[in-house]
Amino acid sequence: MPFIDYIAFEDGSPELQQLYAEYGGKDRCPANIIRISGVNPPVMEQHIGLYRSIMSAGSPLSRHQQEMIAVVVSALNKCHY
């Protein structure tokens, strides 16, 4: 599996630090699946937008059901996210 280094908050550009603060909660550390795009902050914003569109666009499935499907797919793909 490829490995992408995460950028720590304190090592990030001002733009990246702002995104970490916005999407990372009180500890300013977003989920790893988001942090992998930290090398390119505009891509991180697009990644968040895509995730939000997929998970909150009108769906007959509840958010809980969508998350359960994501967990199963990740497990089948041997992805630790």
PDB file of N, CA and C in Angstrom:
ATOM      1  N   MET A   1       0.853  -1.174   0.000  1.00  0.00           N
ATOM      2  CA  MET A   1       0.000   0.000   0.000  1.00  0.00           C
ATOM      3  C   MET A   1       0.898   1.236   0.000  1.00  0.00           C
ATOM      4  N   PRO A   2       0.608   2.226  -0.835  1.00  0.00           N
ATOM      5  CA  PRO A   2       1.390   3.455  -0.843  1.00  0.00           C
ATOM      6  C   PRO A   2       1.278   4.177   0.494  1.00  0.00           C
ATOM      7  N   PHE A   3       2.258   4.981   0.766  1.00  0.00           N
ATOM      8  CA  PHE A   3       2.249   5.736   2.012  1.00  0.00           C
ATOM      9  C   PHE A   3       2.492   7.197   1.711  1.00  0.00           C
ATOM     10  N   ILE A   4       1.656   8.048   2.230  1.00  0.00           N
ATOM     11  CA  ILE A   4       1.802   9.491   2.077  1.00  0.00           C
ATOM     12  C   ILE A   4       2.010  10.068   3.467  1.00  0.00           C
ATOM     13  N   ASP A   5       3.112  10.803   3.638  1.00  0.00           N
ATOM     14  CA  ASP A   5       3.374  11.432   4.930  1.00  0.00           C
ATOM     15  C   ASP A   5       2.326  12.498   5.223  1.00  0.00           C
ATOM     16  N   TYR A   6       1.932  12.564   6.480  1.00  0.00           N
ATOM     17  CA  TYR A   6       1.025  13.605   6.928  1.00  0.00           C
ATOM     18  C   TYR A   6       1.851  14.817   7.349  1.00  0.00           C
ATOM     19  N   ILE A   7       1.303  15.981   7.142  1.00  0.00           N
ATOM     20  CA  ILE A   7       1.959  17.205   7.587  1.00  0.00           C
ATOM     21  C   ILE A   7       1.362  17.584   8.934  1.00  0.00           C
ATOM     22  N   ALA A   8       2.216  17.756   9.928  1.00  0.00           N
ATOM     23  CA  ALA A   8       1.756  18.167  11.254  1.00  0.00           C
ATOM     24  C   ALA A   8       1.244  19.603  11.191  1.00  0.00           C
ATOM     25  N   PHE A   9       0.313  19.938  12.070  1.00  0.00           N
ATOM     26  CA  PHE A   9      -0.270  21.282  12.096  1.00  0.00           C
ATOM     27  C   PHE A   9       0.822  22.345  12.136  1.00  0.00           C
ATOM     28  N   GLU A  10       1.762  22.188  13.058  1.00  0.00           N
ATOM     29  CA  GLU A  10       2.793  23.213  13.247  1.00  0.00           C
ATOM     30  C   GLU A  10       3.758  23.328  12.054  1.00  0.00           C
ATOM     31  N   ASP A  11       3.819  22.308  11.211  1.00  0.00           N
ATOM     32  CA  ASP A  11       4.691  22.332  10.033  1.00  0.00           C
ATOM     33  C   ASP A  11       3.964  22.798   8.767  1.00  0.00           C
ATOM     34  N   GLY A  12       2.673  22.989   8.872  1.00  0.00           N
ATOM     35  CA  GLY A  12       1.882  23.349   7.697  1.00  0.00           C
ATOM     36  C   GLY A  12       1.951  24.828   7.361  1.00  0.00           C
ATOM     37  N   SER A  13       1.618  25.124   6.130  1.00  0.00           N
ATOM     38  CA  SER A  13       1.512  26.519   5.697  1.00  0.00           C
ATOM     39  C   SER A  13       0.340  27.168   6.433  1.00  0.00           C
ATOM     40  N   PRO A  14       0.282  28.492   6.435  1.00  0.00           N
ATOM     41  CA  PRO A  14      -0.875  29.147   7.065  1.00  0.00           C
ATOM     42  C   PRO A  14      -2.209  28.649   6.486  1.00  0.00           C
ATOM     43  N   GLU A  15      -2.250  28.415   5.177  1.00  0.00           N
ATOM     44  CA  GLU A  15      -3.478  27.908   4.546  1.00  0.00           C
ATOM     45  C   GLU A  15      -3.829  26.518   5.080  1.00  0.00           C
ATOM     46  N   LEU A  16      -2.826  25.653   5.195  1.00  0.00           N
ATOM     47  CA  LEU A  16      -3.081  24.304   5.704  1.00  0.00           C
ATOM     48  C   LEU A  16      -3.479  24.347   7.174  1.00  0.00           C
ATOM     49  N   GLN A  17      -2.831  25.194   7.957  1.00  0.00           N
ATOM     50  CA  GLN A  17      -3.197  25.311   9.373  1.00  0.00           C
ATOM     51  C   GLN A  17      -4.643  25.762   9.527  1.00  0.00           C
ATOM     52  N   GLN A  18      -5.077  26.655   8.664  1.00  0.00           N
ATOM     53  CA  GLN A  18      -6.470  27.105   8.718  1.00  0.00           C
ATOM     54  C   GLN A  18      -7.421  25.944   8.419  1.00  0.00           C
ATOM     55  N   LEU A  19      -7.092  25.129   7.412  1.00  0.00           N
ATOM     56  CA  LEU A  19      -7.936  23.982   7.074  1.00  0.00           C
ATOM     57  C   LEU A  19      -7.941  22.957   8.203  1.00  0.00           C
ATOM     58  N   TYR A  20      -6.787  22.694   8.796  1.00  0.00           N
ATOM     59  CA  TYR A  20      -6.716  21.761   9.921  1.00  0.00           C
ATOM     60  C   TYR A  20      -7.586  22.263  11.071  1.00  0.00           C
ATOM     61  N   ALA A  21      -7.496  23.564  11.345  1.00  0.00           N
ATOM     62  CA  ALA A  21      -8.303  24.127  12.424  1.00  0.00           C
ATOM     63  C   ALA A  21      -9.790  24.009  12.114  1.00  0.00           C
ATOM     64  N   GLU A  22     -10.148  24.223  10.851  1.00  0.00           N
ATOM     65  CA  GLU A  22     -11.558  24.169  10.457  1.00  0.00           C
ATOM     66  C   GLU A  22     -12.109  22.749  10.464  1.00  0.00           C
ATOM     67  N   TYR A  23     -11.322  21.792   9.976  1.00  0.00           N
ATOM     68  CA  TYR A  23     -11.821  20.428   9.798  1.00  0.00           C
ATOM     69  C   TYR A  23     -11.336  19.444  10.856  1.00  0.00           C
ATOM     70  N   GLY A  24     -10.462  19.889  11.736  1.00  0.00           N
ATOM     71  CA  GLY A  24      -9.863  18.968  12.694  1.00  0.00           C
ATOM     72  C   GLY A  24     -10.411  19.027  14.096  1.00  0.00           C
ATOM     73  N   GLY A  25     -11.405  19.865  14.333  1.00  0.00           N
ATOM     74  CA  GLY A  25     -11.964  19.961  15.666  1.00  0.00           C
ATOM     75  C   GLY A  25     -11.002  20.633  16.629  1.00  0.00           C
ATOM     76  N   LYS A  26     -11.238  20.431  17.912  1.00  0.00           N
ATOM     77  CA  LYS A  26     -10.449  21.147  18.923  1.00  0.00           C
ATOM     78  C   LYS A  26      -8.977  20.751  18.926  1.00  0.00           C
ATOM     79  N   ASP A  27      -8.650  19.558  18.464  1.00  0.00           N
ATOM     80  CA  ASP A  27      -7.229  19.165  18.434  1.00  0.00           C
ATOM     81  C   ASP A  27      -6.551  19.527  17.114  1.00  0.00           C
ATOM     82  N   ARG A  28      -7.294  20.161  16.207  1.00  0.00           N
ATOM     83  CA  ARG A  28      -6.777  20.626  14.918  1.00  0.00           C
ATOM     84  C   ARG A  28      -6.118  19.505  14.114  1.00  0.00           C
ATOM     85  N   CYS A  29      -6.700  18.324  14.188  1.00  0.00           N
ATOM     86  CA  CYS A  29      -6.148  17.174  13.466  1.00  0.00           C
ATOM     87  C   CYS A  29      -7.283  16.447  12.750  1.00  0.00           C
ATOM     88  N   PRO A  30      -7.470  16.734  11.460  1.00  0.00           N
ATOM     89  CA  PRO A  30      -8.529  16.056  10.712  1.00  0.00           C
ATOM     90  C   PRO A  30      -8.272  14.554  10.621  1.00  0.00           C
ATOM     91  N   ALA A  31      -9.271  13.820  10.228  1.00  0.00           N
ATOM     92  CA  ALA A  31      -9.123  12.376  10.018  1.00  0.00           C
ATOM     93  C   ALA A  31      -8.002  12.127   9.009  1.00  0.00           C
ATOM     94  N   ASN A  32      -7.318  11.024   9.156  1.00  0.00           N
ATOM     95  CA  ASN A  32      -6.185  10.701   8.288  1.00  0.00           C
ATOM     96  C   ASN A  32      -6.556  10.705   6.815  1.00  0.00           C
ATOM     97  N   ILE A  33      -7.755  10.260   6.494  1.00  0.00           N
ATOM     98  CA  ILE A  33      -8.177  10.222   5.090  1.00  0.00           C
ATOM     99  C   ILE A  33      -8.210  11.632   4.502  1.00  0.00           C
ATOM    100  N   ILE A  34      -8.408  12.635   5.336  1.00  0.00           N
ATOM    101  CA  ILE A  34      -8.375  14.033   4.906  1.00  0.00           C
ATOM    102  C   ILE A  34      -6.939  14.554   4.925  1.00  0.00           C
ATOM    103  N   ARG A  35      -6.184  14.178   5.951  1.00  0.00           N
ATOM    104  CA  ARG A  35      -4.810  14.680   6.102  1.00  0.00           C
ATOM    105  C   ARG A  35      -3.891  14.279   4.952  1.00  0.00           C
ATOM    106  N   ILE A  36      -4.194  13.176   4.261  1.00  0.00           N
ATOM    107  CA  ILE A  36      -3.305  12.766   3.169  1.00  0.00           C
ATOM    108  C   ILE A  36      -3.258  13.795   2.054  1.00  0.00           C
ATOM    109  N   SER A  37      -4.273  14.638   1.955  1.00  0.00           N
ATOM    110  CA  SER A  37      -4.262  15.667   0.917  1.00  0.00           C
ATOM    111  C   SER A  37      -3.650  16.970   1.413  1.00  0.00           C
ATOM    112  N   GLY A  38      -3.030  16.937   2.577  1.00  0.00           N
ATOM    113  CA  GLY A  38      -2.419  18.131   3.158  1.00  0.00           C
ATOM    114  C   GLY A  38      -1.269  18.699   2.362  1.00  0.00           C
ATOM    115  N   VAL A  39      -0.668  17.891   1.503  1.00  0.00           N
ATOM    116  CA  VAL A  39       0.425  18.397   0.670  1.00  0.00           C
ATOM    117  C   VAL A  39      -0.088  19.393  -0.368  1.00  0.00           C
ATOM    118  N   ASN A  40      -1.406  19.424  -0.559  1.00  0.00           N
ATOM    119  CA  ASN A  40      -2.012  20.323  -1.529  1.00  0.00           C
ATOM    120  C   ASN A  40      -3.329  20.843  -0.943  1.00  0.00           C
ATOM    121  N   PRO A  41      -3.278  21.932  -0.148  1.00  0.00           N
ATOM    122  CA  PRO A  41      -4.486  22.411   0.541  1.00  0.00           C
ATOM    123  C   PRO A  41      -5.715  22.607  -0.340  1.00  0.00           C
ATOM    124  N   PRO A  42      -5.594  23.137  -1.577  1.00  0.00           N
ATOM    125  CA  PRO A  42      -6.809  23.249  -2.394  1.00  0.00           C
ATOM    126  C   PRO A  42      -7.456  21.883  -2.673  1.00  0.00           C
ATOM    127  N   VAL A  43      -6.633  20.853  -2.824  1.00  0.00           N
ATOM    128  CA  VAL A  43      -7.167  19.499  -3.026  1.00  0.00           C
ATOM    129  C   VAL A  43      -7.871  19.032  -1.760  1.00  0.00           C
ATOM    130  N   MET A  44      -7.317  19.383  -0.586  1.00  0.00           N
ATOM    131  CA  MET A  44      -7.973  19.013   0.674  1.00  0.00           C
ATOM    132  C   MET A  44      -9.379  19.600   0.723  1.00  0.00           C
ATOM    133  N   GLU A  45      -9.514  20.860   0.332  1.00  0.00           N
ATOM    134  CA  GLU A  45     -10.844  21.481   0.332  1.00  0.00           C
ATOM    135  C   GLU A  45     -11.786  20.763  -0.631  1.00  0.00           C
ATOM    136  N   GLN A  46     -11.290  20.392  -1.794  1.00  0.00           N
ATOM    137  CA  GLN A  46     -12.114  19.668  -2.767  1.00  0.00           C
ATOM    138  C   GLN A  46     -12.481  18.282  -2.236  1.00  0.00           C
ATOM    139  N   HIS A  47     -11.551  17.632  -1.550  1.00  0.00           N
ATOM    140  CA  HIS A  47     -11.803  16.311  -0.962  1.00  0.00           C
ATOM    141  C   HIS A  47     -12.927  16.398   0.072  1.00  0.00           C
ATOM    142  N   ILE A  48     -12.865  17.427   0.911  1.00  0.00           N
ATOM    143  CA  ILE A  48     -13.921  17.624   1.912  1.00  0.00           C
ATOM    144  C   ILE A  48     -15.260  17.863   1.212  1.00  0.00           C
ATOM    145  N   GLY A  49     -15.243  18.680   0.162  1.00  0.00           N
ATOM    146  CA  GLY A  49     -16.474  18.947  -0.582  1.00  0.00           C
ATOM    147  C   GLY A  49     -17.066  17.689  -1.193  1.00  0.00           C
ATOM    148  N   LEU A  50     -16.204  16.853  -1.770  1.00  0.00           N
ATOM    149  CA  LEU A  50     -16.663  15.591  -2.349  1.00  0.00           C
ATOM    150  C   LEU A  50     -17.267  14.699  -1.267  1.00  0.00           C
ATOM    151  N   TYR A  51     -16.569  14.562  -0.142  1.00  0.00           N
ATOM    152  CA  TYR A  51     -17.060  13.731   0.956  1.00  0.00           C
ATOM    153  C   TYR A  51     -18.426  14.225   1.440  1.00  0.00           C
ATOM    154  N   ARG A  52     -18.530  15.528   1.631  1.00  0.00           N
ATOM    155  CA  ARG A  52     -19.810  16.084   2.107  1.00  0.00           C
ATOM    156  C   ARG A  52     -20.924  15.852   1.083  1.00  0.00           C
ATOM    157  N   SER A  53     -20.609  15.996  -0.197  1.00  0.00           N
ATOM    158  CA  SER A  53     -21.614  15.767  -1.237  1.00  0.00           C
ATOM    159  C   SER A  53     -22.105  14.331  -1.229  1.00  0.00           C
ATOM    160  N   ILE A  54     -21.161  13.418  -1.104  1.00  0.00           N
ATOM    161  CA  ILE A  54     -21.519  11.999  -1.115  1.00  0.00           C
ATOM    162  C   ILE A  54     -22.323  11.627   0.125  1.00  0.00           C
ATOM    163  N   MET A  55     -21.892  12.114   1.285  1.00  0.00           N
ATOM    164  CA  MET A  55     -22.504  11.679   2.539  1.00  0.00           C
ATOM    165  C   MET A  55     -23.739  12.481   2.952  1.00  0.00           C
ATOM    166  N   SER A  56     -23.968  13.630   2.331  1.00  0.00           N
ATOM    167  CA  SER A  56     -25.135  14.395   2.772  1.00  0.00           C
ATOM    168  C   SER A  56     -26.093  14.772   1.654  1.00  0.00           C
ATOM    169  N   ALA A  57     -25.762  14.415   0.424  1.00  0.00           N
ATOM    170  CA  ALA A  57     -26.698  14.670  -0.672  1.00  0.00           C
ATOM    171  C   ALA A  57     -27.893  13.739  -0.498  1.00  0.00           C
ATOM    172  N   GLY A  58     -29.047  14.189  -0.888  1.00  0.00           N
ATOM    173  CA  GLY A  58     -30.265  13.411  -0.702  1.00  0.00           C
ATOM    174  C   GLY A  58     -30.107  11.938  -1.050  1.00  0.00           C
ATOM    175  N   SER A  59     -30.150  11.105  -0.062  1.00  0.00           N
ATOM    176  CA  SER A  59     -29.992   9.667  -0.234  1.00  0.00           C
ATOM    177  C   SER A  59     -31.092   8.948   0.532  1.00  0.00           C
ATOM    178  N   PRO A  60     -31.565   7.840   0.001  1.00  0.00           N
ATOM    179  CA  PRO A  60     -32.558   7.066   0.755  1.00  0.00           C
ATOM    180  C   PRO A  60     -31.936   6.387   1.981  1.00  0.00           C
ATOM    181  N   LEU A  61     -30.602   6.363   2.047  1.00  0.00           N
ATOM    182  CA  LEU A  61     -29.921   5.751   3.193  1.00  0.00           C
ATOM    183  C   LEU A  61     -29.670   6.796   4.268  1.00  0.00           C
ATOM    184  N   SER A  62     -29.737   6.366   5.516  1.00  0.00           N
ATOM    185  CA  SER A  62     -29.405   7.273   6.612  1.00  0.00           C
ATOM    186  C   SER A  62     -27.891   7.456   6.667  1.00  0.00           C
ATOM    187  N   ARG A  63     -27.450   8.469   7.370  1.00  0.00           N
ATOM    188  CA  ARG A  63     -26.006   8.692   7.529  1.00  0.00           C
ATOM    189  C   ARG A  63     -25.360   7.479   8.189  1.00  0.00           C
ATOM    190  N   HIS A  64     -26.045   6.904   9.155  1.00  0.00           N
ATOM    191  CA  HIS A  64     -25.547   5.718   9.852  1.00  0.00           C
ATOM    192  C   HIS A  64     -25.343   4.561   8.860  1.00  0.00           C
ATOM    193  N   GLN A  65     -26.309   4.343   7.989  1.00  0.00           N
ATOM    194  CA  GLN A  65     -26.196   3.277   6.991  1.00  0.00           C
ATOM    195  C   GLN A  65     -25.046   3.549   6.019  1.00  0.00           C
ATOM    196  N   GLN A  66     -24.905   4.804   5.595  1.00  0.00           N
ATOM    197  CA  GLN A  66     -23.807   5.153   4.691  1.00  0.00           C
ATOM    198  C   GLN A  66     -22.458   4.881   5.347  1.00  0.00           C
ATOM    199  N   GLU A  67     -22.310   5.245   6.599  1.00  0.00           N
ATOM    200  CA  GLU A  67     -21.052   5.013   7.320  1.00  0.00           C
ATOM    201  C   GLU A  67     -20.782   3.514   7.470  1.00  0.00           C
ATOM    202  N   MET A  68     -21.827   2.732   7.732  1.00  0.00           N
ATOM    203  CA  MET A  68     -21.640   1.280   7.852  1.00  0.00           C
ATOM    204  C   MET A  68     -21.169   0.688   6.527  1.00  0.00           C
ATOM    205  N   ILE A  69     -21.730   1.146   5.424  1.00  0.00           N
ATOM    206  CA  ILE A  69     -21.300   0.663   4.112  1.00  0.00           C
ATOM    207  C   ILE A  69     -19.836   1.043   3.874  1.00  0.00           C
ATOM    208  N   ALA A  70     -19.471   2.263   4.234  1.00  0.00           N
ATOM    209  CA  ALA A  70     -18.082   2.703   4.059  1.00  0.00           C
ATOM    210  C   ALA A  70     -17.124   1.825   4.863  1.00  0.00           C
ATOM    211  N   VAL A  71     -17.512   1.442   6.062  1.00  0.00           N
ATOM    212  CA  VAL A  71     -16.668   0.580   6.894  1.00  0.00           C
ATOM    213  C   VAL A  71     -16.511  -0.789   6.245  1.00  0.00           C
ATOM    214  N   VAL A  72     -17.590  -1.348   5.755  1.00  0.00           N
ATOM    215  CA  VAL A  72     -17.530  -2.674   5.118  1.00  0.00           C
ATOM    216  C   VAL A  72     -16.660  -2.628   3.864  1.00  0.00           C
ATOM    217  N   VAL A  73     -16.847  -1.607   3.039  1.00  0.00           N
ATOM    218  CA  VAL A  73     -16.039  -1.485   1.819  1.00  0.00           C
ATOM    219  C   VAL A  73     -14.561  -1.329   2.173  1.00  0.00           C
ATOM    220  N   SER A  74     -14.265  -0.514   3.179  1.00  0.00           N
ATOM    221  CA  SER A  74     -12.871  -0.350   3.602  1.00  0.00           C
ATOM    222  C   SER A  74     -12.291  -1.674   4.089  1.00  0.00           C
ATOM    223  N   ALA A  75     -13.062  -2.417   4.852  1.00  0.00           N
ATOM    224  CA  ALA A  75     -12.582  -3.712   5.353  1.00  0.00           C
ATOM    225  C   ALA A  75     -12.332  -4.683   4.197  1.00  0.00           C
ATOM    226  N   LEU A  76     -13.245  -4.717   3.253  1.00  0.00           N
ATOM    227  CA  LEU A  76     -13.061  -5.614   2.094  1.00  0.00           C
ATOM    228  C   LEU A  76     -11.820  -5.239   1.281  1.00  0.00           C
ATOM    229  N   ASN A  77     -11.518  -3.937   1.242  1.00  0.00           N
ATOM    230  CA  ASN A  77     -10.346  -3.465   0.507  1.00  0.00           C
ATOM    231  C   ASN A  77      -9.074  -3.466   1.361  1.00  0.00           C
ATOM    232  N   LYS A  78      -9.200  -3.971   2.590  1.00  0.00           N
ATOM    233  CA  LYS A  78      -8.077  -4.000   3.528  1.00  0.00           C
ATOM    234  C   LYS A  78      -7.509  -2.603   3.758  1.00  0.00           C
ATOM    235  N   CYS A  79      -8.391  -1.634   3.847  1.00  0.00           N
ATOM    236  CA  CYS A  79      -8.017  -0.255   4.093  1.00  0.00           C
ATOM    237  C   CYS A  79      -8.330   0.066   5.546  1.00  0.00           C
ATOM    238  N   HIS A  80      -7.370   0.594   6.288  1.00  0.00           N
ATOM    239  CA  HIS A  80      -7.587   0.836   7.714  1.00  0.00           C
ATOM    240  C   HIS A  80      -8.390   2.081   8.009  1.00  0.00           C
ATOM    241  N   TYR A  81      -8.823   2.812   6.984  1.00  0.00           N
ATOM    242  CA  TYR A  81      -9.672   3.971   7.238  1.00  0.00           C
ATOM    243  C   TYR A  81     -11.058   3.510   7.510  1.00  0.00           C
TER     244      TYR A  81
END
